[in-house]
Amino acid sequence: MEFLPENIENYSVSHTEQEPKLLAELNRETWANVMIPRMLSGHLQGRALSMFSKMINPTNIIEIGTYTGYSALCMAEGLQSNGTLHTLDINKENTSVADRYFKRSDYSNNIKQHIGNALNIIPTFECNFQLAFIDADKENYSAYFDLLIDKIDIGGYIIADNVLWSGKVTNEKMDTETLALDEYNKKTLAEPRVENVLLPVRDGLMISRKIK
């Protein structure tokens, strides 16, 4: 869901740096050939993720939910030259699309794909991360946060997508996914180890910075 009026959204996109050609091609292929293409981060959010990553200049990034690889490629733009982006997904079909684009990118040696259940994979990492992006099954957002928080450096960020869930988090009656996202928003707000801002960009981005 887009929360801004269409003319404002279009103005924002037209005054935002263009997406690189490879990402534009991935964007088109996803919308043409992949199920549920609205899951793609897209131009405006993608440039925001790129900008966040460039500001942080992380050595290690972890992404929960690869989909077709758009957001990973955006965040990889801010990686240190010797850095690594670990992207996790359970869907082999979508990640095969991502793999093709990763190999064509400037970050083919920096991006590592992991196929399987993220709840099992996250504890196996021995490195710390400076940036994490959560964009996977909504019911497990809080569980992902709990697994990630101790692996994030002080000053590092956890960014969670879809936290407004088409505005349904404001409804009195919520389905299971909406309840999980509302729980995540309340959980991060109450967590003393992070400071937060919820940005109404696209479907909502919760930005959490670890402070202690």
Foldseek 3Di string as FASTA:
>chain_A
DAPDPPVVVVVQLVPADFDDPLLVVLLVCLVVPNPPSVLDCDRPSLQVLLVVLLVQQKQEEEEEDCQQNSNVVSNVNSHDPNHAYEYEEQDPVRVVNNLVSCCVDPCVVRYDYDHDDCLVVLVVDPAAIQEYEYRDQQLCPVVVCVSRVVRHDQQGKYKYPLLCVVVQLPDPDDDNSSVSSVVNVVVLVPDPQWDWDWDSGGNIMIITGGHD
